[in-house]
Amino acid sequence: MNVGWLSDEHPHPRGKAPDGLVDALVRLAKDKGNMYRGSHFCELCPTSLETQKNNYIGGAFVGSGEIHVPGEGSVLHIAPAMISHYVRDHSYLPPYDFCHSALSTHSAG
């Protein structure tokens, strides 16, 4: 299940993220996979300086790669590492199942 592939051309849910979600996503981003050639810069940030600044959060490089979050049953949530930035700085609210799974994975690790 793909989660958090945002673009400025498409609306996305916004709201208050559960406590600890950004920290969980940053921790997951420190062990990401499927690195890209180069960096992805946030399309939602107002300036290129902002986009460059937000490629690092809490010591994790989030401008490339994916995080994989095991969900209920056989579901595997896949999100860009940049999802932590989207949640923290753009009030992106991922689906409940993703949030619950990311928080559970974080607390278990």
C-alpha atoms as a PDB file:
ATOM      1  CA  MET A   1       0.000   0.000   0.000  1.00  0.00           C
ATOM      2  CA  ASN A   2       1.642   3.241  -1.164  1.00  0.00           C
ATOM      3  CA  VAL A   3       1.298   6.146   1.243  1.00  0.00           C
ATOM      4  CA  GLY A   4       2.514   9.732   1.162  1.00  0.00           C
ATOM      5  CA  TRP A   5       3.579  10.300  -2.434  1.00  0.00           C
ATOM      6  CA  LEU A   6       2.512  13.959  -2.453  1.00  0.00           C
ATOM      7  CA  SER A   7       2.476  16.537  -5.200  1.00  0.00           C
ATOM      8  CA  ASP A   8       1.463  20.177  -5.233  1.00  0.00           C
ATOM      9  CA  GLU A   9      -0.893  19.291  -8.090  1.00  0.00           C
ATOM     10  CA  HIS A  10      -3.110  16.985  -6.001  1.00  0.00           C
ATOM     11  CA  PRO A  11      -4.961  17.541  -2.713  1.00  0.00           C
ATOM     12  CA  HIS A  12      -4.027  15.431   0.296  1.00  0.00           C
ATOM     13  CA  PRO A  13      -5.505  14.941   3.774  1.00  0.00           C
ATOM     14  CA  ARG A  14      -4.333  17.351   6.440  1.00  0.00           C
ATOM     15  CA  GLY A  15      -4.673  17.316  10.176  1.00  0.00           C
ATOM     16  CA  LYS A  16      -2.897  16.821  13.481  1.00  0.00           C
ATOM     17  CA  ALA A  17      -0.689  13.762  13.407  1.00  0.00           C
ATOM     18  CA  PRO A  18      -0.654  11.390  16.367  1.00  0.00           C
ATOM     19  CA  ASP A  19       1.961  12.180  19.002  1.00  0.00           C
ATOM     20  CA  GLY A  20       5.283  10.538  18.198  1.00  0.00           C
ATOM     21  CA  LEU A  21       4.550   9.936  14.518  1.00  0.00           C
ATOM     22  CA  VAL A  22       7.243  12.256  13.159  1.00  0.00           C
ATOM     23  CA  ASP A  23       9.840  10.685  15.467  1.00  0.00           C
ATOM     24  CA  ALA A  24       8.762   7.207  14.345  1.00  0.00           C
ATOM     25  CA  LEU A  25       9.012   8.189  10.680  1.00  0.00           C
ATOM     26  CA  VAL A  26      12.459   9.740  11.165  1.00  0.00           C
ATOM     27  CA  ARG A  27      13.661   6.577  12.889  1.00  0.00           C
ATOM     28  CA  LEU A  28      12.307   4.489  10.013  1.00  0.00           C
ATOM     29  CA  ALA A  29      13.976   6.840   7.518  1.00  0.00           C
ATOM     30  CA  LYS A  30      17.358   6.093   9.073  1.00  0.00           C
ATOM     31  CA  ASP A  31      16.970   2.510   7.807  1.00  0.00           C
ATOM     32  CA  LYS A  32      15.353   3.191   4.429  1.00  0.00           C
ATOM     33  CA  GLY A  33      15.712   1.278   1.188  1.00  0.00           C
ATOM     34  CA  ASN A  34      15.273   1.789  -2.551  1.00  0.00           C
ATOM     35  CA  MET A  35      17.515   4.831  -2.683  1.00  0.00           C
ATOM     36  CA  TYR A  36      17.107   7.034  -5.754  1.00  0.00           C
ATOM     37  CA  ARG A  37      19.789   8.470  -7.960  1.00  0.00           C
ATOM     38  CA  GLY A  38      19.897  12.001  -6.635  1.00  0.00           C
ATOM     39  CA  SER A  39      17.533  13.787  -4.279  1.00  0.00           C
ATOM     40  CA  HIS A  40      13.841  14.518  -4.326  1.00  0.00           C
ATOM     41  CA  PHE A  41      12.940  18.032  -3.296  1.00  0.00           C
ATOM     42  CA  CYS A  42       9.576  18.783  -1.715  1.00  0.00           C
ATOM     43  CA  GLU A  43       7.084  20.254  -4.170  1.00  0.00           C
ATOM     44  CA  LEU A  44       5.040  21.742  -1.329  1.00  0.00           C
ATOM     45  CA  CYS A  45       7.744  24.021   0.084  1.00  0.00           C
ATOM     46  CA  PRO A  46       7.549  27.646  -1.049  1.00  0.00           C
ATOM     47  CA  THR A  47      11.227  28.119  -2.026  1.00  0.00           C
ATOM     48  CA  SER A  48      14.137  26.016  -3.231  1.00  0.00           C
ATOM     49  CA  LEU A  49      16.088  27.036  -0.120  1.00  0.00           C
ATOM     50  CA  GLU A  50      13.306  25.551   2.034  1.00  0.00           C
ATOM     51  CA  THR A  51      13.311  22.332   0.021  1.00  0.00           C
ATOM     52  CA  GLN A  52      17.047  21.871   0.472  1.00  0.00           C
ATOM     53  CA  LYS A  53      16.854  22.591   4.199  1.00  0.00           C
ATOM     54  CA  ASN A  54      14.113  20.000   4.668  1.00  0.00           C
ATOM     55  CA  ASN A  55      16.007  17.085   3.104  1.00  0.00           C
ATOM     56  CA  TYR A  56      17.415  16.308   6.579  1.00  0.00           C
ATOM     57  CA  ILE A  57      15.325  15.751   9.704  1.00  0.00           C
ATOM     58  CA  GLY A  58      16.755  14.614  13.026  1.00  0.00           C
ATOM     59  CA  GLY A  59      19.950  13.374  11.433  1.00  0.00           C
ATOM     60  CA  ALA A  60      18.126  11.379   8.761  1.00  0.00           C
ATOM     61  CA  PHE A  61      18.441  12.162   5.057  1.00  0.00           C
ATOM     62  CA  VAL A  62      14.838  12.064   3.811  1.00  0.00           C
ATOM     63  CA  GLY A  63      15.427  13.360   0.273  1.00  0.00           C
ATOM     64  CA  SER A  64      15.805   9.860  -1.145  1.00  0.00           C
ATOM     65  CA  GLY A  65      14.561   6.366  -0.532  1.00  0.00           C
ATOM     66  CA  GLU A  66      11.532   4.623   0.865  1.00  0.00           C
ATOM     67  CA  ILE A  67      10.427   3.392   4.247  1.00  0.00           C
ATOM     68  CA  HIS A  68       8.616   0.073   4.537  1.00  0.00           C
ATOM     69  CA  VAL A  69       6.150  -0.285   7.387  1.00  0.00           C
ATOM     70  CA  PRO A  70       4.535  -3.681   8.071  1.00  0.00           C
ATOM     71  CA  GLY A  71       0.795  -3.317   8.540  1.00  0.00           C
ATOM     72  CA  GLU A  72      -2.041  -5.606   9.558  1.00  0.00           C
ATOM     73  CA  GLY A  73      -2.081  -9.032   7.953  1.00  0.00           C
ATOM     74  CA  SER A  74      -0.050  -9.090   4.773  1.00  0.00           C
ATOM     75  CA  VAL A  75      -0.139  -5.324   4.175  1.00  0.00           C
ATOM     76  CA  LEU A  76       3.169  -3.556   3.638  1.00  0.00           C
ATOM     77  CA  HIS A  77       2.988   0.240   3.629  1.00  0.00           C
ATOM     78  CA  ILE A  78       5.587   1.905   1.403  1.00  0.00           C
ATOM     79  CA  ALA A  79       6.228   5.633   1.701  1.00  0.00           C
ATOM     80  CA  PRO A  80       8.899   8.082   0.601  1.00  0.00           C
ATOM     81  CA  ALA A  81      11.351   8.855   3.390  1.00  0.00           C
ATOM     82  CA  MET A  82      10.229  12.458   2.934  1.00  0.00           C
ATOM     83  CA  ILE A  83       6.893  11.594   4.540  1.00  0.00           C
ATOM     84  CA  SER A  84       8.334  12.729   7.874  1.00  0.00           C
ATOM     85  CA  HIS A  85       8.790  16.229   6.395  1.00  0.00           C
ATOM     86  CA  TYR A  86       5.293  16.201   4.892  1.00  0.00           C
ATOM     87  CA  VAL A  87       3.755  15.313   8.256  1.00  0.00           C
ATOM     88  CA  ARG A  88       5.897  17.729  10.288  1.00  0.00           C
ATOM     89  CA  ASP A  89       5.896  20.761   8.002  1.00  0.00           C
ATOM     90  CA  HIS A  90       2.860  20.449   5.755  1.00  0.00           C
ATOM     91  CA  SER A  91       0.351  18.852   8.174  1.00  0.00           C
ATOM     92  CA  TYR A  92      -0.049  15.799   5.953  1.00  0.00           C
ATOM     93  CA  LEU A  93      -2.184  13.240   7.766  1.00  0.00           C
ATOM     94  CA  PRO A  94      -1.480   9.709   6.523  1.00  0.00           C
ATOM     95  CA  PRO A  95      -4.175   7.025   6.815  1.00  0.00           C
ATOM     96  CA  TYR A  96      -4.879   5.716  10.309  1.00  0.00           C
ATOM     97  CA  ASP A  97      -3.558   2.209   9.567  1.00  0.00           C
ATOM     98  CA  PHE A  98      -0.228   3.609   8.393  1.00  0.00           C
ATOM     99  CA  CYS A  99       0.110   5.861  11.450  1.00  0.00           C
ATOM    100  CA  HIS A 100      -0.758   3.010  13.825  1.00  0.00           C
ATOM    101  CA  SER A 101       1.697   0.649  12.128  1.00  0.00           C
ATOM    102  CA  ALA A 102       4.526   3.217  12.046  1.00  0.00           C
ATOM    103  CA  LEU A 103       4.050   3.983  15.750  1.00  0.00           C
ATOM    104  CA  SER A 104       3.922   0.257  16.592  1.00  0.00           C
ATOM    105  CA  THR A 105       7.060  -0.461  14.549  1.00  0.00           C
ATOM    106  CA  HIS A 106       8.852   2.458  16.204  1.00  0.00           C
ATOM    107  CA  SER A 107       7.948   1.396  19.740  1.00  0.00           C
ATOM    108  CA  ALA A 108       8.925  -2.226  19.029  1.00  0.00           C
ATOM    109  CA  GLY A 109      12.343  -1.259  17.668  1.00  0.00           C
END
